[in-house]
C-alpha cells in the first residue's frame, strides 16, 4: 500500500455532521428552536407593551397633577407656548442643518443639567432656601436642551441626516416625540408658575 492509496481512502470517507454526534433530527430541532424564540419574542413584546402603557399612564398622571396645581390661564399659556414652540422646532428640523450629529454633546449637557438640578434641589430642600431665580434659569436651560432633543428626534424621523430611525420603528418615533413635547410643556408650565407667583 502506497502513500497515495492512504490519502485517497481518507479523502473518500464522508464527514459526520454535527447532529449525528448528538442523535438529533434537524427538522424537529429547528421547530423546537423556532418555538422557543417565538415564545421569547412574544414575552418581550408583552413586556414592551406593558412598559409603554405604564409610562404613558405615569406621564399622564404627572402632567395632570402639574396642571391641577396651576391656575387655568397659566396652563393655557403653557399649552399655547408649547404648540408655538413645537411648530418652530418642526420648521427648524426641516432645515439643512444636521442636528443629529450632536447627540453626544446633548447627552453630556443633559447629564450635567440633571446633576446641577439635583444638587440645587438637595441644597434648597436642606436649607429651606427657595432659590427661585436659579430654578427659573435651570428650567429655561432645560427647555432649550429639550427643544434641541426634539429637533434631533424630528430629524431622525424625517431622515436624510447622520442619524435616522428605521421605518419599522414608528412606535418608538411616536414615543420619542410624545415624551419630548410633554417634557417641554411641563418645563414651560413650571416657568410660568414661577413668574405667576
N, C-alpha and C. Protein backbone atom coordinates (compact mmCIF):
# COMPACT_ATOMS: atom_id res chain seq x y z
N UNK A 1 0.85 -1.17 0.00
CA UNK A 1 0.00 0.00 0.00
C UNK A 1 0.90 1.24 0.00
N UNK A 2 0.63 2.12 -0.92
CA UNK A 2 1.47 3.31 -1.06
C UNK A 2 0.84 4.50 -0.31
N UNK A 3 1.63 5.54 -0.25
CA UNK A 3 1.19 6.78 0.44
C UNK A 3 -0.03 7.38 -0.26
N UNK A 4 -0.08 7.36 -1.59
CA UNK A 4 -1.21 7.91 -2.35
C UNK A 4 -2.49 7.14 -2.08
N UNK A 5 -2.40 5.79 -1.88
CA UNK A 5 -3.59 4.98 -1.59
C UNK A 5 -4.20 5.37 -0.25
N UNK A 6 -3.36 5.66 0.73
CA UNK A 6 -3.86 6.05 2.05
C UNK A 6 -4.59 7.38 1.96
N UNK A 7 -4.04 8.36 1.24
CA UNK A 7 -4.69 9.67 1.09
C UNK A 7 -6.03 9.57 0.40
N UNK A 8 -6.11 8.69 -0.61
CA UNK A 8 -7.35 8.53 -1.36
C UNK A 8 -8.41 7.91 -0.46
N UNK A 9 -8.04 6.91 0.33
CA UNK A 9 -9.03 6.25 1.19
C UNK A 9 -9.51 7.20 2.29
N UNK A 10 -8.64 8.05 2.81
CA UNK A 10 -9.04 9.01 3.83
C UNK A 10 -9.95 10.07 3.21
N UNK A 11 -9.65 10.53 2.02
CA UNK A 11 -10.43 11.57 1.38
C UNK A 11 -11.82 11.07 1.01
N UNK A 12 -12.01 9.75 0.80
CA UNK A 12 -13.32 9.23 0.39
C UNK A 12 -14.28 9.04 1.54
N UNK A 13 -13.81 9.09 2.79
CA UNK A 13 -14.71 8.95 3.93
C UNK A 13 -15.59 10.19 4.04
N UNK A 14 -16.87 9.96 4.29
CA UNK A 14 -17.80 11.08 4.44
C UNK A 14 -17.69 11.63 5.86
N UNK A 15 -17.56 12.95 5.98
CA UNK A 15 -17.51 13.52 7.32
C UNK A 15 -18.88 13.42 7.99
N UNK A 16 -18.87 13.23 9.30
CA UNK A 16 -20.12 13.15 10.04
C UNK A 16 -20.61 14.56 10.34
N UNK A 17 -21.91 14.75 10.21
CA UNK A 17 -22.50 16.06 10.50
C UNK A 17 -22.66 16.19 12.01
N UNK A 18 -22.73 17.43 12.47
CA UNK A 18 -22.74 17.69 13.90
C UNK A 18 -23.94 17.05 14.58
N UNK A 19 -25.10 17.05 13.92
CA UNK A 19 -26.28 16.49 14.57
C UNK A 19 -26.21 14.97 14.68
N UNK A 20 -25.30 14.31 13.92
CA UNK A 20 -25.15 12.87 14.03
C UNK A 20 -24.45 12.49 15.34
N UNK A 21 -23.62 13.39 15.87
CA UNK A 21 -22.93 13.12 17.13
C UNK A 21 -23.91 13.15 18.31
N UNK A 22 -24.94 13.99 18.21
CA UNK A 22 -25.88 14.17 19.32
C UNK A 22 -27.19 13.41 19.15
N UNK A 23 -27.33 12.69 18.07
CA UNK A 23 -28.51 11.89 17.82
C UNK A 23 -29.79 12.73 17.84
N UNK A 24 -29.78 13.83 17.05
CA UNK A 24 -30.96 14.67 16.96
C UNK A 24 -31.40 14.76 15.51
N UNK A 25 -32.68 15.06 15.34
CA UNK A 25 -33.23 15.26 14.00
C UNK A 25 -33.26 16.76 13.72
N UNK A 26 -32.60 17.23 12.68
CA UNK A 26 -32.54 18.67 12.42
C UNK A 26 -33.92 19.31 12.22
N UNK A 27 -34.87 18.61 11.65
CA UNK A 27 -36.19 19.20 11.39
C UNK A 27 -36.93 19.45 12.71
N UNK A 28 -36.94 18.47 13.59
CA UNK A 28 -37.63 18.67 14.87
C UNK A 28 -36.88 19.67 15.74
N UNK A 29 -35.55 19.67 15.64
CA UNK A 29 -34.76 20.62 16.44
C UNK A 29 -35.02 22.05 15.97
N UNK A 30 -35.09 22.25 14.67
CA UNK A 30 -35.37 23.58 14.14
C UNK A 30 -36.76 24.06 14.56
N UNK A 31 -37.72 23.14 14.57
CA UNK A 31 -39.07 23.51 15.03
C UNK A 31 -39.03 23.90 16.50
N UNK A 32 -38.27 23.15 17.29
CA UNK A 32 -38.12 23.47 18.72
C UNK A 32 -37.51 24.85 18.91
N UNK A 33 -36.44 25.13 18.18
CA UNK A 33 -35.76 26.43 18.29
C UNK A 33 -36.71 27.55 17.89
N UNK A 34 -37.47 27.35 16.82
CA UNK A 34 -38.43 28.36 16.38
C UNK A 34 -39.48 28.63 17.47
N UNK A 35 -39.99 27.58 18.10
CA UNK A 35 -40.98 27.74 19.16
C UNK A 35 -40.40 28.52 20.34
N UNK A 36 -39.18 28.19 20.74
CA UNK A 36 -38.55 28.88 21.87
C UNK A 36 -38.39 30.36 21.55
N UNK A 37 -37.86 30.68 20.37
CA UNK A 37 -37.65 32.07 20.01
C UNK A 37 -38.97 32.82 19.82
N UNK A 38 -39.99 32.16 19.33
CA UNK A 38 -41.30 32.78 19.19
C UNK A 38 -41.88 33.12 20.56
N UNK A 39 -41.74 32.22 21.52
CA UNK A 39 -42.23 32.48 22.87
C UNK A 39 -41.46 33.63 23.51
N UNK A 40 -40.14 33.66 23.34
CA UNK A 40 -39.34 34.76 23.89
C UNK A 40 -39.75 36.08 23.24
N UNK A 41 -39.95 36.08 21.93
CA UNK A 41 -40.38 37.29 21.23
C UNK A 41 -41.73 37.75 21.75
N UNK A 42 -42.66 36.82 21.96
CA UNK A 42 -43.97 37.16 22.49
C UNK A 42 -43.85 37.76 23.89
N UNK A 43 -43.02 37.16 24.73
CA UNK A 43 -42.83 37.67 26.09
C UNK A 43 -42.22 39.08 26.07
N UNK A 44 -41.22 39.30 25.22
CA UNK A 44 -40.61 40.63 25.13
C UNK A 44 -41.60 41.66 24.60
N UNK A 45 -42.43 41.26 23.65
CA UNK A 45 -43.43 42.17 23.10
C UNK A 45 -44.45 42.57 24.17
N UNK A 46 -44.93 41.59 24.94
CA UNK A 46 -45.88 41.89 26.02
C UNK A 46 -45.23 42.81 27.05
N UNK A 47 -43.97 42.55 27.39
CA UNK A 47 -43.26 43.40 28.35
C UNK A 47 -43.12 44.83 27.82
N UNK A 48 -42.76 44.96 26.55
CA UNK A 48 -42.60 46.29 25.95
C UNK A 48 -43.93 47.04 25.93
N UNK A 49 -45.00 46.36 25.55
CA UNK A 49 -46.32 47.00 25.52
C UNK A 49 -46.73 47.43 26.92
N UNK A 50 -46.51 46.56 27.90
CA UNK A 50 -46.84 46.90 29.29
C UNK A 50 -46.04 48.11 29.76
N UNK A 51 -44.75 48.15 29.43
CA UNK A 51 -43.91 49.28 29.84
C UNK A 51 -44.38 50.58 29.20
N UNK A 52 -44.74 50.52 27.92
CA UNK A 52 -45.22 51.72 27.24
C UNK A 52 -46.52 52.21 27.89
N UNK A 53 -47.43 51.29 28.17
CA UNK A 53 -48.71 51.66 28.80
C UNK A 53 -48.46 52.29 30.17
N UNK A 54 -47.59 51.66 30.96
CA UNK A 54 -47.29 52.20 32.30
C UNK A 54 -46.64 53.57 32.18
N UNK A 55 -45.71 53.74 31.23
CA UNK A 55 -45.05 55.03 31.07
C UNK A 55 -46.03 56.11 30.63
N UNK A 56 -46.93 55.78 29.71
CA UNK A 56 -47.92 56.76 29.26
C UNK A 56 -48.82 57.15 30.42
N UNK A 57 -49.24 56.17 31.20
CA UNK A 57 -50.09 56.47 32.35
C UNK A 57 -49.34 57.35 33.36
N UNK A 58 -48.08 57.01 33.64
CA UNK A 58 -47.30 57.80 34.60
C UNK A 58 -47.10 59.23 34.12
N UNK A 59 -46.75 59.40 32.85
CA UNK A 59 -46.56 60.75 32.32
C UNK A 59 -47.88 61.51 32.33
N UNK A 60 -48.97 60.82 32.02
CA UNK A 60 -50.29 61.47 32.05
C UNK A 60 -50.65 61.91 33.45
N UNK A 61 -50.38 61.07 34.43
CA UNK A 61 -50.68 61.41 35.83
C UNK A 61 -49.82 62.59 36.28
N UNK A 62 -48.54 62.58 35.93
CA UNK A 62 -47.66 63.69 36.31
C UNK A 62 -48.13 64.99 35.67
N UNK A 63 -48.49 64.92 34.39
CA UNK A 63 -48.97 66.11 33.69
C UNK A 63 -50.28 66.59 34.30
N UNK A 64 -51.18 65.66 34.58
CA UNK A 64 -52.46 66.04 35.20
C UNK A 64 -52.24 66.68 36.56
N UNK A 65 -51.35 66.12 37.35
CA UNK A 65 -51.06 66.67 38.68
C UNK A 65 -50.49 68.08 38.57
N UNK A 66 -49.57 68.27 37.60
CA UNK A 66 -48.96 69.60 37.44
C UNK A 66 -49.99 70.63 36.97
N UNK A 67 -50.91 70.22 36.12
CA UNK A 67 -51.90 71.19 35.63
C UNK A 67 -52.98 71.47 36.66
N UNK A 68 -53.31 70.50 37.50
CA UNK A 68 -54.32 70.72 38.54
C UNK A 68 -53.82 71.73 39.57
N UNK A 69 -52.53 71.71 39.85
CA UNK A 69 -51.97 72.61 40.85
C UNK A 69 -51.72 74.02 40.32
N UNK A 70 -52.03 74.27 39.05
CA UNK A 70 -51.70 75.54 38.42
C UNK A 70 -52.99 76.25 37.99
N UNK A 71 -52.93 77.57 37.98
CA UNK A 71 -54.07 78.34 37.51
C UNK A 71 -54.36 78.00 36.05
N UNK A 72 -55.64 78.07 35.69
CA UNK A 72 -56.06 77.69 34.34
C UNK A 72 -55.41 78.56 33.27
N UNK A 73 -55.31 79.86 33.52
CA UNK A 73 -54.73 80.74 32.49
C UNK A 73 -53.25 80.41 32.26
N UNK A 74 -52.52 80.01 33.30
CA UNK A 74 -51.11 79.63 33.12
C UNK A 74 -51.00 78.34 32.33
N UNK A 75 -51.92 77.40 32.57
CA UNK A 75 -51.92 76.15 31.80
C UNK A 75 -52.19 76.44 30.32
N UNK A 76 -53.13 77.33 30.05
CA UNK A 76 -53.44 77.69 28.66
C UNK A 76 -52.25 78.39 28.02
N UNK A 77 -51.61 79.31 28.75
CA UNK A 77 -50.41 79.98 28.22
C UNK A 77 -49.31 78.96 27.90
N UNK A 78 -49.11 78.02 28.82
CA UNK A 78 -48.08 77.00 28.60
C UNK A 78 -48.43 76.11 27.40
N UNK A 79 -49.71 75.79 27.25
CA UNK A 79 -50.14 74.97 26.13
C UNK A 79 -49.94 75.70 24.80
N UNK A 80 -50.31 76.98 24.75
CA UNK A 80 -50.12 77.77 23.53
C UNK A 80 -48.63 77.95 23.24
N UNK A 81 -47.84 78.21 24.29
CA UNK A 81 -46.39 78.37 24.10
C UNK A 81 -45.76 77.07 23.61
N UNK A 82 -46.21 75.95 24.14
CA UNK A 82 -45.69 74.65 23.69
C UNK A 82 -46.03 74.40 22.23
N UNK A 83 -47.28 74.68 21.85
CA UNK A 83 -47.71 74.47 20.45
C UNK A 83 -46.90 75.36 19.51
N UNK A 84 -46.71 76.63 19.89
CA UNK A 84 -45.94 77.54 19.05
C UNK A 84 -44.49 77.10 18.95
N UNK A 85 -43.91 76.71 20.07
CA UNK A 85 -42.51 76.26 20.08
C UNK A 85 -42.33 75.00 19.24
N UNK A 86 -43.25 74.06 19.36
CA UNK A 86 -43.16 72.83 18.57
C UNK A 86 -43.26 73.14 17.08
N UNK A 87 -44.13 74.07 16.69
CA UNK A 87 -44.23 74.44 15.26
C UNK A 87 -42.91 75.04 14.76
N UNK A 88 -42.30 75.89 15.56
CA UNK A 88 -41.00 76.48 15.18
C UNK A 88 -39.94 75.39 15.08
N UNK A 89 -39.94 74.46 16.04
CA UNK A 89 -38.94 73.39 16.03
C UNK A 89 -39.14 72.46 14.83
N UNK A 90 -40.37 72.25 14.42
CA UNK A 90 -40.62 71.43 13.21
C UNK A 90 -40.03 72.12 11.99
N UNK A 91 -40.21 73.45 11.89
CA UNK A 91 -39.63 74.19 10.76
C UNK A 91 -38.10 74.12 10.79
N UNK A 92 -37.52 74.22 11.98
CA UNK A 92 -36.06 74.12 12.09
C UNK A 92 -35.60 72.71 11.72
N UNK A 93 -36.37 71.70 12.08
CA UNK A 93 -35.99 70.32 11.78
C UNK A 93 -35.93 70.06 10.27
N UNK A 94 -36.72 70.79 9.51
CA UNK A 94 -36.70 70.62 8.05
C UNK A 94 -35.57 71.42 7.39
N UNK A 95 -34.77 72.13 8.16
CA UNK A 95 -33.66 72.88 7.58
C UNK A 95 -32.55 71.93 7.16
N UNK A 96 -31.56 72.47 6.48
CA UNK A 96 -30.44 71.63 6.01
C UNK A 96 -29.42 71.35 7.11
N UNK A 97 -29.50 72.08 8.21
CA UNK A 97 -28.56 71.89 9.32
C UNK A 97 -28.82 70.55 9.98
N UNK A 98 -27.75 69.76 10.17
CA UNK A 98 -27.87 68.42 10.74
C UNK A 98 -27.63 68.46 12.24
N UNK A 99 -28.70 68.48 13.02
CA UNK A 99 -28.60 68.48 14.47
C UNK A 99 -28.25 67.11 15.02
N UNK A 100 -28.52 66.05 14.26
CA UNK A 100 -28.34 64.69 14.79
C UNK A 100 -26.87 64.35 15.00
N UNK A 101 -25.96 65.13 14.47
CA UNK A 101 -24.53 64.88 14.69
C UNK A 101 -24.11 65.20 16.12
N UNK A 102 -24.95 65.90 16.88
CA UNK A 102 -24.56 66.41 18.18
C UNK A 102 -25.17 65.63 19.34
N UNK A 103 -25.55 64.37 19.12
CA UNK A 103 -26.16 63.57 20.19
C UNK A 103 -25.27 63.47 21.43
N UNK A 104 -23.97 63.26 21.23
CA UNK A 104 -23.05 63.11 22.36
C UNK A 104 -23.04 64.35 23.24
N UNK A 105 -23.04 65.52 22.60
CA UNK A 105 -23.00 66.77 23.35
C UNK A 105 -24.31 67.00 24.11
N UNK A 106 -25.42 66.64 23.49
CA UNK A 106 -26.72 66.80 24.15
C UNK A 106 -26.83 65.86 25.35
N UNK A 107 -26.33 64.64 25.19
CA UNK A 107 -26.36 63.70 26.32
C UNK A 107 -25.51 64.24 27.47
N UNK A 108 -24.33 64.75 27.15
CA UNK A 108 -23.46 65.32 28.19
C UNK A 108 -24.12 66.53 28.85
N UNK A 109 -24.75 67.39 28.05
CA UNK A 109 -25.43 68.56 28.60
C UNK A 109 -26.61 68.15 29.48
N UNK A 110 -27.33 67.11 29.07
CA UNK A 110 -28.47 66.63 29.86
C UNK A 110 -28.01 66.06 31.20
N UNK A 111 -26.94 65.29 31.18
CA UNK A 111 -26.42 64.72 32.43
C UNK A 111 -25.92 65.83 33.35
N UNK A 112 -25.22 66.82 32.79
CA UNK A 112 -24.73 67.94 33.60
C UNK A 112 -25.90 68.74 34.18
N UNK A 113 -26.92 68.98 33.36
CA UNK A 113 -28.09 69.71 33.84
C UNK A 113 -28.81 68.94 34.94
N UNK A 114 -28.91 67.63 34.79
CA UNK A 114 -29.53 66.81 35.82
C UNK A 114 -28.74 66.88 37.13
N UNK A 115 -27.41 66.79 37.04
CA UNK A 115 -26.57 66.83 38.23
C UNK A 115 -26.70 68.18 38.95
N UNK A 116 -26.69 69.27 38.18
CA UNK A 116 -26.83 70.60 38.79
C UNK A 116 -28.22 70.75 39.41
N UNK A 117 -29.25 70.29 38.70
CA UNK A 117 -30.62 70.38 39.24
C UNK A 117 -30.76 69.58 40.52
N UNK A 118 -30.19 68.39 40.54
CA UNK A 118 -30.25 67.56 41.74
C UNK A 118 -29.53 68.23 42.91
N UNK A 119 -28.35 68.77 42.65
CA UNK A 119 -27.59 69.44 43.71
C UNK A 119 -28.35 70.65 44.25
N UNK A 120 -28.95 71.43 43.36
CA UNK A 120 -29.70 72.61 43.80
C UNK A 120 -30.95 72.20 44.57
N UNK A 121 -31.61 71.13 44.12
CA UNK A 121 -32.80 70.66 44.83
C UNK A 121 -32.45 70.17 46.23
N UNK A 122 -31.36 69.44 46.35
CA UNK A 122 -30.94 68.96 47.67
C UNK A 122 -30.56 70.13 48.57
N UNK A 123 -29.83 71.09 48.02
CA UNK A 123 -29.44 72.26 48.80
C UNK A 123 -30.68 73.05 49.22
N UNK A 124 -31.60 73.26 48.29
CA UNK A 124 -32.82 74.01 48.59
C UNK A 124 -33.67 73.30 49.63
N UNK A 125 -33.77 72.00 49.53
CA UNK A 125 -34.55 71.22 50.48
C UNK A 125 -33.92 71.22 51.88
N UNK A 126 -32.59 71.09 51.92
CA UNK A 126 -31.92 71.01 53.23
C UNK A 126 -31.82 72.35 53.94
N UNK A 127 -31.73 73.45 53.18
CA UNK A 127 -31.60 74.77 53.81
C UNK A 127 -32.92 75.52 53.90
N UNK A 128 -33.89 75.11 53.12
CA UNK A 128 -35.18 75.81 53.11
C UNK A 128 -35.18 77.04 52.23
N UNK A 129 -34.07 77.30 51.56
CA UNK A 129 -33.97 78.45 50.67
C UNK A 129 -34.64 78.12 49.34
N UNK A 130 -35.45 79.04 48.80
CA UNK A 130 -36.24 78.75 47.59
C UNK A 130 -35.41 78.83 46.31
N UNK A 131 -34.50 79.74 46.20
CA UNK A 131 -33.62 79.90 45.03
C UNK A 131 -34.43 79.99 43.73
N UNK A 132 -35.42 80.87 43.73
CA UNK A 132 -36.35 80.98 42.60
C UNK A 132 -35.63 81.33 41.30
N UNK A 133 -34.72 82.29 41.33
CA UNK A 133 -34.03 82.72 40.11
C UNK A 133 -33.21 81.59 39.51
N UNK A 134 -32.50 80.85 40.35
CA UNK A 134 -31.68 79.73 39.86
C UNK A 134 -32.57 78.65 39.24
N UNK A 135 -33.71 78.37 39.87
CA UNK A 135 -34.62 77.36 39.34
C UNK A 135 -35.22 77.80 38.00
N UNK A 136 -35.51 79.09 37.86
CA UNK A 136 -36.01 79.60 36.57
C UNK A 136 -34.96 79.43 35.49
N UNK A 137 -33.72 79.76 35.80
CA UNK A 137 -32.63 79.62 34.81
C UNK A 137 -32.46 78.15 34.42
N UNK A 138 -32.53 77.25 35.39
CA UNK A 138 -32.39 75.82 35.09
C UNK A 138 -33.55 75.34 34.22
N UNK A 139 -34.76 75.82 34.51
CA UNK A 139 -35.92 75.44 33.67
C UNK A 139 -35.76 75.96 32.25
N UNK A 140 -35.26 77.16 32.09
CA UNK A 140 -35.05 77.72 30.74
C UNK A 140 -33.99 76.91 30.00
N UNK A 141 -32.88 76.62 30.67
CA UNK A 141 -31.83 75.80 30.03
C UNK A 141 -32.38 74.41 29.69
N UNK A 142 -33.16 73.83 30.60
CA UNK A 142 -33.78 72.52 30.33
C UNK A 142 -34.72 72.57 29.15
N UNK A 143 -35.47 73.66 29.01
CA UNK A 143 -36.37 73.80 27.86
C UNK A 143 -35.57 73.89 26.56
N UNK A 144 -34.46 74.61 26.59
CA UNK A 144 -33.62 74.71 25.39
C UNK A 144 -33.05 73.33 25.04
N UNK A 145 -32.55 72.60 26.04
CA UNK A 145 -32.00 71.26 25.79
C UNK A 145 -33.08 70.34 25.24
N UNK A 146 -34.27 70.36 25.85
CA UNK A 146 -35.38 69.52 25.34
C UNK A 146 -35.79 69.92 23.94
N UNK A 147 -35.71 71.22 23.63
CA UNK A 147 -36.05 71.68 22.28
C UNK A 147 -35.07 71.15 21.25
N UNK A 148 -33.79 71.17 21.59
CA UNK A 148 -32.78 70.63 20.67
C UNK A 148 -32.97 69.13 20.51
N UNK A 149 -33.29 68.44 21.60
CA UNK A 149 -33.56 67.00 21.52
C UNK A 149 -34.75 66.73 20.60
N UNK A 150 -35.80 67.55 20.70
CA UNK A 150 -36.96 67.38 19.84
C UNK A 150 -36.60 67.60 18.38
N UNK A 151 -35.75 68.58 18.10
CA UNK A 151 -35.29 68.79 16.72
C UNK A 151 -34.54 67.55 16.23
N UNK A 152 -33.66 67.01 17.07
CA UNK A 152 -32.90 65.81 16.68
C UNK A 152 -33.83 64.63 16.41
N UNK A 153 -34.82 64.47 17.27
CA UNK A 153 -35.76 63.36 17.08
C UNK A 153 -36.57 63.56 15.81
N UNK A 154 -36.99 64.78 15.55
CA UNK A 154 -37.73 65.05 14.31
C UNK A 154 -36.87 64.76 13.09
N UNK A 155 -35.61 65.19 13.14
CA UNK A 155 -34.72 64.93 12.00
C UNK A 155 -34.43 63.45 11.83
N UNK A 156 -34.34 62.71 12.93
CA UNK A 156 -34.11 61.26 12.80
C UNK A 156 -35.34 60.57 12.24
N UNK A 157 -36.52 61.12 12.47
CA UNK A 157 -37.75 60.56 11.89
C UNK A 157 -37.88 60.96 10.43
N UNK A 158 -37.59 62.22 10.13
CA UNK A 158 -37.69 62.70 8.74
C UNK A 158 -36.68 61.98 7.85
N UNK A 159 -35.48 61.78 8.36
CA UNK A 159 -34.43 61.06 7.63
C UNK A 159 -33.55 62.00 6.82
N UNK A 160 -32.53 61.40 6.21
CA UNK A 160 -31.61 62.14 5.39
C UNK A 160 -30.49 62.83 6.16
N UNK A 161 -30.38 62.55 7.45
CA UNK A 161 -29.34 63.15 8.29
C UNK A 161 -28.41 62.05 8.79
N UNK A 162 -27.46 62.42 9.65
CA UNK A 162 -26.49 61.45 10.15
C UNK A 162 -27.16 60.30 10.89
N UNK A 163 -28.15 60.60 11.72
CA UNK A 163 -28.88 59.58 12.46
C UNK A 163 -30.32 59.59 11.96
N UNK A 164 -30.83 58.41 11.62
CA UNK A 164 -32.24 58.33 11.23
C UNK A 164 -32.83 57.02 11.71
N UNK A 165 -34.11 57.06 12.04
CA UNK A 165 -34.80 55.87 12.51
C UNK A 165 -35.18 55.00 11.31
N UNK A 166 -35.13 53.70 11.53
CA UNK A 166 -35.62 52.79 10.50
C UNK A 166 -37.13 52.88 10.45
N UNK A 167 -37.70 52.59 9.29
CA UNK A 167 -39.13 52.75 9.10
C UNK A 167 -39.95 51.81 9.97
N UNK A 168 -39.37 50.72 10.44
CA UNK A 168 -40.11 49.80 11.30
C UNK A 168 -40.26 50.33 12.72
N UNK A 169 -39.53 51.37 13.08
CA UNK A 169 -39.53 51.91 14.44
C UNK A 169 -40.50 53.08 14.60
N UNK A 170 -41.65 53.02 13.96
CA UNK A 170 -42.60 54.12 14.01
C UNK A 170 -43.18 54.32 15.41
N UNK A 171 -43.38 53.23 16.17
CA UNK A 171 -43.87 53.38 17.55
C UNK A 171 -42.84 54.08 18.43
N UNK A 172 -41.58 53.71 18.25
CA UNK A 172 -40.51 54.35 19.01
C UNK A 172 -40.41 55.83 18.66
N UNK A 173 -40.55 56.15 17.38
CA UNK A 173 -40.52 57.55 16.95
C UNK A 173 -41.65 58.35 17.57
N UNK A 174 -42.85 57.77 17.58
CA UNK A 174 -44.00 58.45 18.19
C UNK A 174 -43.78 58.64 19.68
N UNK A 175 -43.22 57.61 20.33
CA UNK A 175 -42.95 57.70 21.77
C UNK A 175 -41.94 58.80 22.06
N UNK A 176 -40.89 58.92 21.24
CA UNK A 176 -39.90 59.98 21.43
C UNK A 176 -40.54 61.36 21.36
N UNK A 177 -41.33 61.57 20.31
CA UNK A 177 -41.95 62.89 20.13
C UNK A 177 -42.91 63.20 21.28
N UNK A 178 -43.70 62.21 21.67
CA UNK A 178 -44.67 62.41 22.75
C UNK A 178 -43.98 62.83 24.04
N UNK A 179 -42.96 62.09 24.44
CA UNK A 179 -42.29 62.40 25.70
C UNK A 179 -41.57 63.75 25.64
N UNK A 180 -40.97 64.06 24.51
CA UNK A 180 -40.27 65.34 24.40
C UNK A 180 -41.24 66.51 24.47
N UNK A 181 -42.38 66.41 23.79
CA UNK A 181 -43.35 67.50 23.81
C UNK A 181 -43.94 67.67 25.21
N UNK A 182 -44.23 66.56 25.89
CA UNK A 182 -44.76 66.65 27.26
C UNK A 182 -43.72 67.27 28.20
N UNK A 183 -42.45 66.91 28.05
CA UNK A 183 -41.41 67.50 28.90
C UNK A 183 -41.28 69.00 28.65
N UNK A 184 -41.35 69.40 27.38
CA UNK A 184 -41.29 70.84 27.07
C UNK A 184 -42.49 71.55 27.71
N UNK A 185 -43.69 70.96 27.60
CA UNK A 185 -44.87 71.56 28.20
C UNK A 185 -44.71 71.70 29.70
N UNK A 186 -44.22 70.65 30.37
CA UNK A 186 -44.06 70.71 31.82
C UNK A 186 -43.03 71.76 32.24
N UNK A 187 -41.96 71.89 31.47
CA UNK A 187 -40.95 72.90 31.81
C UNK A 187 -41.51 74.31 31.59
N UNK A 188 -42.22 74.52 30.49
CA UNK A 188 -42.82 75.84 30.26
C UNK A 188 -43.87 76.15 31.33
N UNK A 189 -44.63 75.15 31.74
CA UNK A 189 -45.62 75.34 32.80
C UNK A 189 -44.93 75.73 34.12
N UNK A 190 -43.82 75.08 34.40
CA UNK A 190 -43.09 75.41 35.63
C UNK A 190 -42.54 76.85 35.57
N UNK A 191 -42.01 77.24 34.41
CA UNK A 191 -41.50 78.61 34.26
C UNK A 191 -42.64 79.60 34.47
N UNK A 192 -43.79 79.32 33.88
CA UNK A 192 -44.92 80.25 34.02
C UNK A 192 -45.44 80.28 35.45
N UNK A 193 -45.36 79.15 36.14
CA UNK A 193 -45.75 79.15 37.56
C UNK A 193 -44.80 80.01 38.38
N UNK A 194 -43.49 79.94 38.06
CA UNK A 194 -42.53 80.77 38.79
C UNK A 194 -42.83 82.26 38.56
N UNK A 195 -43.14 82.61 37.31
CA UNK A 195 -43.43 84.01 37.02
C UNK A 195 -44.83 84.40 37.50
N UNK A 196 -45.74 83.43 37.57
CA UNK A 196 -47.10 83.71 38.03
C UNK A 196 -47.18 84.04 39.49
N UNK A 197 -46.24 83.49 40.27
CA UNK A 197 -46.25 83.76 41.72
C UNK A 197 -45.54 85.06 41.96
